[in-house]
Amino acid sequence: MATSTPTRDRIIEAAMSLFGDNGFRGTSVAQIEAAAGLTPGAGGLYHHFRSKEEVLTAGIDRHLDRLSALRDIRRLFTGLGDTRAELTMTARYALTELDNEAELLRILASESRARPALVQRAVTALVDTTHAEFAAWLHESRGCPPDRAAAIAAVGLGSLLSNRLLRGLLGTTDSPVDDDTFIATWVEMIYNLIAGQR
């Protein structure tokens, strides 16, 4: 892994923003250089990366590393002894992270056909790992059988993700319900699914 430097970090930040707005193909190296404060077209990007594709990979890796570290926060609010409170914290945390990762979601959506292996790796880290952790929490902390826990996790995380997809991918701001109402409804739905298996 390459050593992080301020210039390298600026290139990644600028590139990911441009990739999110214009797509990978719609972003030139010169645009990335200009946005990163380098002389456009002078090749400064190539002092830090072999290619534009390597910048994309580094940017996705950075997002995934940050999410992996932040995922540990869930352990801070589990064990509250109140299932509804824990579910509320889980929903608020997940929605906040999805909002923070709207740029990454747009990039993954736009690159799904051109770079399926890169996208699959990111989806595995983002979705599959989160699903497995939520299902494990439902099984271990709430006594759901493994198959039932996996199904509840799929329904629960799927609804959180879909709540943010239009906003994150298409930039829409209108929502049929506000976040507080959505979260309260989500908590009751998941709580009743957990209670129904006992």
C-alpha atoms as a PDB file:
ATOM      1  CA  MET A   1       0.000   0.000   0.000  1.00  0.00           C
ATOM      2  CA  ALA A   2       1.317   3.450  -0.929  1.00  0.00           C
ATOM      3  CA  THR A   3       2.275   5.908   1.764  1.00  0.00           C
ATOM      4  CA  SER A   4      -0.268   8.631   2.358  1.00  0.00           C
ATOM      5  CA  THR A   5       0.890  12.172   1.639  1.00  0.00           C
ATOM      6  CA  PRO A   6      -1.067  15.437   1.646  1.00  0.00           C
ATOM      7  CA  THR A   7      -0.906  15.629  -2.163  1.00  0.00           C
ATOM      8  CA  ARG A   8      -1.948  12.003  -2.601  1.00  0.00           C
ATOM      9  CA  ASP A   9      -4.852  12.560  -0.192  1.00  0.00           C
ATOM     10  CA  ARG A  10      -5.933  15.690  -2.103  1.00  0.00           C
ATOM     11  CA  ILE A  11      -5.869  13.764  -5.375  1.00  0.00           C
ATOM     12  CA  ILE A  12      -8.051  11.010  -3.924  1.00  0.00           C
ATOM     13  CA  GLU A  13     -10.526  13.486  -2.416  1.00  0.00           C
ATOM     14  CA  ALA A  14     -10.757  15.498  -5.633  1.00  0.00           C
ATOM     15  CA  ALA A  15     -11.064  12.417  -7.816  1.00  0.00           C
ATOM     16  CA  MET A  16     -13.793  10.777  -5.732  1.00  0.00           C
ATOM     17  CA  SER A  17     -15.820  13.976  -5.757  1.00  0.00           C
ATOM     18  CA  LEU A  18     -15.455  14.270  -9.535  1.00  0.00           C
ATOM     19  CA  PHE A  19     -16.168  10.568 -10.085  1.00  0.00           C
ATOM     20  CA  GLY A  20     -19.317  10.929  -7.988  1.00  0.00           C
ATOM     21  CA  ASP A  21     -20.479  13.951  -9.990  1.00  0.00           C
ATOM     22  CA  ASN A  22     -19.309  13.053 -13.520  1.00  0.00           C
ATOM     23  CA  GLY A  23     -18.617   9.329 -13.448  1.00  0.00           C
ATOM     24  CA  PHE A  24     -15.229   7.704 -13.940  1.00  0.00           C
ATOM     25  CA  ARG A  25     -15.233   8.013 -17.726  1.00  0.00           C
ATOM     26  CA  GLY A  26     -16.511  11.581 -17.574  1.00  0.00           C
ATOM     27  CA  THR A  27     -13.583  12.719 -15.426  1.00  0.00           C
ATOM     28  CA  SER A  28     -10.197  13.478 -16.962  1.00  0.00           C
ATOM     29  CA  VAL A  29      -6.815  13.300 -15.264  1.00  0.00           C
ATOM     30  CA  ALA A  30      -6.403  17.028 -15.953  1.00  0.00           C
ATOM     31  CA  GLN A  31      -9.673  17.739 -14.109  1.00  0.00           C
ATOM     32  CA  ILE A  32      -8.495  15.715 -11.129  1.00  0.00           C
ATOM     33  CA  GLU A  33      -5.165  17.547 -11.115  1.00  0.00           C
ATOM     34  CA  ALA A  34      -6.863  20.950 -11.256  1.00  0.00           C
ATOM     35  CA  ALA A  35      -9.289  20.057  -8.473  1.00  0.00           C
ATOM     36  CA  ALA A  36      -6.395  18.787  -6.341  1.00  0.00           C
ATOM     37  CA  GLY A  37      -4.458  22.038  -6.775  1.00  0.00           C
ATOM     38  CA  LEU A  38      -1.952  20.628  -9.254  1.00  0.00           C
ATOM     39  CA  THR A  39      -1.119  22.018 -12.686  1.00  0.00           C
ATOM     40  CA  PRO A  40      -3.691  20.495 -15.055  1.00  0.00           C
ATOM     41  CA  GLY A  41      -2.174  18.272 -17.714  1.00  0.00           C
ATOM     42  CA  ALA A  42       1.345  18.372 -16.243  1.00  0.00           C
ATOM     43  CA  GLY A  43       1.222  14.765 -15.040  1.00  0.00           C
ATOM     44  CA  GLY A  44       1.386  15.479 -11.309  1.00  0.00           C
ATOM     45  CA  LEU A  45      -1.151  12.747 -10.635  1.00  0.00           C
ATOM     46  CA  TYR A  46       1.273  10.165 -12.050  1.00  0.00           C
ATOM     47  CA  HIS A  47       3.844  10.972  -9.353  1.00  0.00           C
ATOM     48  CA  HIS A  48       1.430   9.339  -6.888  1.00  0.00           C
ATOM     49  CA  PHE A  49      -0.633   6.885  -8.981  1.00  0.00           C
ATOM     50  CA  ARG A  50       0.050   4.753 -12.037  1.00  0.00           C
ATOM     51  CA  SER A  51      -3.369   5.435 -13.525  1.00  0.00           C
ATOM     52  CA  LYS A  52      -6.765   7.022 -13.012  1.00  0.00           C
ATOM     53  CA  GLU A  53      -8.076   3.533 -12.237  1.00  0.00           C
ATOM     54  CA  GLU A  54      -5.583   3.244  -9.371  1.00  0.00           C
ATOM     55  CA  VAL A  55      -6.939   6.526  -7.977  1.00  0.00           C
ATOM     56  CA  LEU A  56     -10.458   5.080  -8.063  1.00  0.00           C
ATOM     57  CA  THR A  57      -9.338   1.910  -6.296  1.00  0.00           C
ATOM     58  CA  ALA A  58      -7.516   3.944  -3.628  1.00  0.00           C
ATOM     59  CA  GLY A  59     -10.581   6.123  -3.119  1.00  0.00           C
ATOM     60  CA  ILE A  60     -12.932   3.180  -2.705  1.00  0.00           C
ATOM     61  CA  ASP A  61     -10.455   1.504  -0.347  1.00  0.00           C
ATOM     62  CA  ARG A  62     -10.322   4.665   1.764  1.00  0.00           C
ATOM     63  CA  HIS A  63     -14.118   4.776   2.050  1.00  0.00           C
ATOM     64  CA  LEU A  64     -14.269   1.094   2.963  1.00  0.00           C
ATOM     65  CA  ASP A  65     -11.475   1.401   5.556  1.00  0.00           C
ATOM     66  CA  ARG A  66     -13.305   4.286   7.201  1.00  0.00           C
ATOM     67  CA  LEU A  67     -16.584   2.380   7.236  1.00  0.00           C
ATOM     68  CA  SER A  68     -14.879  -0.689   8.667  1.00  0.00           C
ATOM     69  CA  ALA A  69     -13.482   1.368  11.535  1.00  0.00           C
ATOM     70  CA  LEU A  70     -16.775   3.163  12.151  1.00  0.00           C
ATOM     71  CA  ARG A  71     -18.729  -0.100  12.177  1.00  0.00           C
ATOM     72  CA  ASP A  72     -17.211  -0.816  15.601  1.00  0.00           C
ATOM     73  CA  ILE A  73     -19.283   2.061  16.980  1.00  0.00           C
ATOM     74  CA  ARG A  74     -22.298  -0.311  17.014  1.00  0.00           C
ATOM     75  CA  ARG A  75     -20.664  -2.105  19.914  1.00  0.00           C
ATOM     76  CA  LEU A  76     -20.870   1.103  21.942  1.00  0.00           C
ATOM     77  CA  PHE A  77     -24.646   1.213  21.934  1.00  0.00           C
ATOM     78  CA  THR A  78     -25.471  -2.485  22.065  1.00  0.00           C
ATOM     79  CA  GLY A  79     -26.127  -3.789  25.528  1.00  0.00           C
ATOM     80  CA  LEU A  80     -28.370  -0.868  26.439  1.00  0.00           C
ATOM     81  CA  GLY A  81     -30.863  -3.441  27.643  1.00  0.00           C
ATOM     82  CA  ASP A  82     -33.630  -1.876  25.582  1.00  0.00           C
ATOM     83  CA  THR A  83     -34.220  -3.455  22.172  1.00  0.00           C
ATOM     84  CA  ARG A  84     -36.123  -0.458  20.805  1.00  0.00           C
ATOM     85  CA  ALA A  85     -33.345   1.935  21.858  1.00  0.00           C
ATOM     86  CA  GLU A  86     -30.688  -0.289  20.270  1.00  0.00           C
ATOM     87  CA  LEU A  87     -32.701  -0.559  17.055  1.00  0.00           C
ATOM     88  CA  THR A  88     -33.209   3.213  16.985  1.00  0.00           C
ATOM     89  CA  MET A  89     -29.468   3.779  17.340  1.00  0.00           C
ATOM     90  CA  THR A  90     -28.786   1.196  14.629  1.00  0.00           C
ATOM     91  CA  ALA A  91     -31.208   2.861  12.195  1.00  0.00           C
ATOM     92  CA  ARG A  92     -29.927   6.384  12.868  1.00  0.00           C
ATOM     93  CA  TYR A  93     -26.331   5.246  12.494  1.00  0.00           C
ATOM     94  CA  ALA A  94     -27.027   3.342   9.255  1.00  0.00           C
ATOM     95  CA  LEU A  95     -28.906   6.257   7.673  1.00  0.00           C
ATOM     96  CA  THR A  96     -26.174   8.711   8.656  1.00  0.00           C
ATOM     97  CA  GLU A  97     -23.507   6.463   7.147  1.00  0.00           C
ATOM     98  CA  LEU A  98     -25.515   6.032   3.947  1.00  0.00           C
ATOM     99  CA  ASP A  99     -25.860   9.827   3.717  1.00  0.00           C
ATOM    100  CA  ASN A 100     -22.114  10.197   4.247  1.00  0.00           C
ATOM    101  CA  GLU A 101     -21.417   7.605   1.567  1.00  0.00           C
ATOM    102  CA  ALA A 102     -23.732   8.998  -1.133  1.00  0.00           C
ATOM    103  CA  GLU A 103     -20.666   9.802  -3.265  1.00  0.00           C
ATOM    104  CA  LEU A 104     -19.410   6.225  -2.991  1.00  0.00           C
ATOM    105  CA  LEU A 105     -22.863   4.811  -3.808  1.00  0.00           C
ATOM    106  CA  ARG A 106     -23.043   6.959  -6.969  1.00  0.00           C
ATOM    107  CA  ILE A 107     -19.604   5.776  -8.053  1.00  0.00           C
ATOM    108  CA  LEU A 108     -20.439   2.127  -7.429  1.00  0.00           C
ATOM    109  CA  ALA A 109     -23.690   2.436  -9.373  1.00  0.00           C
ATOM    110  CA  SER A 110     -22.011   4.113 -12.331  1.00  0.00           C
ATOM    111  CA  GLU A 111     -19.101   1.639 -12.427  1.00  0.00           C
ATOM    112  CA  SER A 112     -21.051  -1.588 -11.876  1.00  0.00           C
ATOM    113  CA  ARG A 113     -20.763  -2.721 -15.501  1.00  0.00           C
ATOM    114  CA  ALA A 114     -17.281  -1.453 -16.321  1.00  0.00           C
ATOM    115  CA  ARG A 115     -15.595  -2.672 -13.118  1.00  0.00           C
ATOM    116  CA  PRO A 116     -17.716  -5.497 -11.684  1.00  0.00           C
ATOM    117  CA  ALA A 117     -14.900  -6.998  -9.575  1.00  0.00           C
ATOM    118  CA  LEU A 118     -14.122  -3.673  -7.893  1.00  0.00           C
ATOM    119  CA  VAL A 119     -17.806  -2.988  -7.296  1.00  0.00           C
ATOM    120  CA  GLN A 120     -18.433  -6.509  -5.971  1.00  0.00           C
ATOM    121  CA  ARG A 121     -15.582  -6.129  -3.480  1.00  0.00           C
ATOM    122  CA  ALA A 122     -17.055  -2.839  -2.265  1.00  0.00           C
ATOM    123  CA  VAL A 123     -20.601  -4.231  -2.058  1.00  0.00           C
ATOM    124  CA  THR A 124     -19.312  -7.221  -0.100  1.00  0.00           C
ATOM    125  CA  ALA A 125     -17.603  -4.900   2.375  1.00  0.00           C
ATOM    126  CA  LEU A 126     -20.516  -2.469   2.588  1.00  0.00           C
ATOM    127  CA  VAL A 127     -23.593  -4.656   2.454  1.00  0.00           C
ATOM    128  CA  ASP A 128     -22.682  -8.277   3.062  1.00  0.00           C
ATOM    129  CA  THR A 129     -20.528  -7.579   6.114  1.00  0.00           C
ATOM    130  CA  THR A 130     -23.123  -5.253   7.625  1.00  0.00           C
ATOM    131  CA  HIS A 131     -25.852  -7.841   6.986  1.00  0.00           C
ATOM    132  CA  ALA A 132     -23.778 -10.559   8.663  1.00  0.00           C
ATOM    133  CA  GLU A 133     -23.090  -8.357  11.692  1.00  0.00           C
ATOM    134  CA  PHE A 134     -26.732  -7.337  12.095  1.00  0.00           C
ATOM    135  CA  ALA A 135     -27.891 -10.947  11.717  1.00  0.00           C
ATOM    136  CA  ALA A 136     -25.306 -12.058  14.292  1.00  0.00           C
ATOM    137  CA  TRP A 137     -26.552  -9.385  16.724  1.00  0.00           C
ATOM    138  CA  LEU A 138     -30.152 -10.555  16.227  1.00  0.00           C
ATOM    139  CA  HIS A 139     -29.117 -14.165  16.826  1.00  0.00           C
ATOM    140  CA  GLU A 140     -26.757 -13.646  19.763  1.00  0.00           C
ATOM    141  CA  SER A 141     -28.441 -10.758  21.585  1.00  0.00           C
ATOM    142  CA  ARG A 142     -32.075 -11.334  20.744  1.00  0.00           C
ATOM    143  CA  GLY A 143     -32.243 -15.110  20.405  1.00  0.00           C
ATOM    144  CA  CYS A 144     -33.408 -15.244  16.791  1.00  0.00           C
ATOM    145  CA  PRO A 145     -32.639 -18.540  15.045  1.00  0.00           C
ATOM    146  CA  PRO A 146     -29.901 -17.999  12.402  1.00  0.00           C
ATOM    147  CA  ASP A 147     -32.213 -18.302   9.366  1.00  0.00           C
ATOM    148  CA  ARG A 148     -34.763 -15.944  10.906  1.00  0.00           C
ATOM    149  CA  ALA A 149     -32.018 -13.489  11.931  1.00  0.00           C
ATOM    150  CA  ALA A 150     -30.663 -13.469   8.366  1.00  0.00           C
ATOM    151  CA  ALA A 151     -34.142 -12.787   6.946  1.00  0.00           C
ATOM    152  CA  ILE A 152     -34.882  -9.985   9.430  1.00  0.00           C
ATOM    153  CA  ALA A 153     -31.474  -8.430   8.718  1.00  0.00           C
ATOM    154  CA  ALA A 154     -32.141  -8.546   4.964  1.00  0.00           C
ATOM    155  CA  VAL A 155     -35.546  -6.870   5.351  1.00  0.00           C
ATOM    156  CA  GLY A 156     -34.272  -4.316   7.856  1.00  0.00           C
ATOM    157  CA  LEU A 157     -31.106  -3.295   6.038  1.00  0.00           C
ATOM    158  CA  GLY A 158     -32.850  -3.406   2.673  1.00  0.00           C
ATOM    159  CA  SER A 159     -35.435  -0.888   3.828  1.00  0.00           C
ATOM    160  CA  LEU A 160     -32.762   1.432   5.254  1.00  0.00           C
ATOM    161  CA  LEU A 161     -30.769   1.235   2.035  1.00  0.00           C
ATOM    162  CA  SER A 162     -33.773   1.826  -0.217  1.00  0.00           C
ATOM    163  CA  ASN A 163     -34.763   4.837   1.909  1.00  0.00           C
ATOM    164  CA  ARG A 164     -31.485   6.472   0.898  1.00  0.00           C
ATOM    165  CA  LEU A 165     -30.981   5.180  -2.646  1.00  0.00           C
ATOM    166  CA  LEU A 166     -33.080   7.774  -4.438  1.00  0.00           C
ATOM    167  CA  ARG A 167     -31.531  10.566  -2.423  1.00  0.00           C
ATOM    168  CA  GLY A 168     -27.974   9.291  -2.756  1.00  0.00           C
ATOM    169  CA  LEU A 169     -28.011   8.025  -6.316  1.00  0.00           C
ATOM    170  CA  LEU A 170     -30.450  10.369  -8.003  1.00  0.00           C
ATOM    171  CA  GLY A 171     -30.100  13.415  -5.781  1.00  0.00           C
ATOM    172  CA  THR A 172     -33.797  13.617  -4.915  1.00  0.00           C
ATOM    173  CA  THR A 173     -34.624  15.420  -1.695  1.00  0.00           C
ATOM    174  CA  ASP A 174     -38.322  14.638  -1.419  1.00  0.00           C
ATOM    175  CA  SER A 175     -39.285  11.755   0.818  1.00  0.00           C
ATOM    176  CA  PRO A 176     -42.794  10.479   1.579  1.00  0.00           C
ATOM    177  CA  VAL A 177     -41.979  10.474   5.319  1.00  0.00           C
ATOM    178  CA  ASP A 178     -39.534  12.353   7.515  1.00  0.00           C
ATOM    179  CA  ASP A 179     -36.617  10.511   9.110  1.00  0.00           C
ATOM    180  CA  ASP A 180     -38.100  10.437  12.614  1.00  0.00           C
ATOM    181  CA  THR A 181     -41.320   8.830  11.377  1.00  0.00           C
ATOM    182  CA  PHE A 182     -39.420   6.408   9.155  1.00  0.00           C
ATOM    183  CA  ILE A 183     -37.088   5.347  11.978  1.00  0.00           C
ATOM    184  CA  ALA A 184     -39.935   4.921  14.478  1.00  0.00           C
ATOM    185  CA  THR A 185     -41.822   2.746  11.967  1.00  0.00           C
ATOM    186  CA  TRP A 186     -38.665   0.768  11.128  1.00  0.00           C
ATOM    187  CA  VAL A 187     -37.985   0.122  14.829  1.00  0.00           C
ATOM    188  CA  GLU A 188     -41.526  -1.150  15.416  1.00  0.00           C
ATOM    189  CA  MET A 189     -41.348  -3.370  12.335  1.00  0.00           C
ATOM    190  CA  ILE A 190     -38.029  -4.958  13.333  1.00  0.00           C
ATOM    191  CA  TYR A 191     -39.074  -5.197  16.991  1.00  0.00           C
ATOM    192  CA  ASN A 192     -42.272  -7.040  16.024  1.00  0.00           C
ATOM    193  CA  LEU A 193     -40.349  -9.388  13.730  1.00  0.00           C
ATOM    194  CA  ILE A 194     -37.966 -10.203  16.601  1.00  0.00           C
ATOM    195  CA  ALA A 195     -40.842 -10.651  19.066  1.00  0.00           C
ATOM    196  CA  GLY A 196     -42.784 -12.791  16.597  1.00  0.00           C
ATOM    197  CA  GLN A 197     -40.110 -15.481  16.524  1.00  0.00           C
ATOM    198  CA  ARG A 198     -40.176 -16.074  20.279  1.00  0.00           C
END
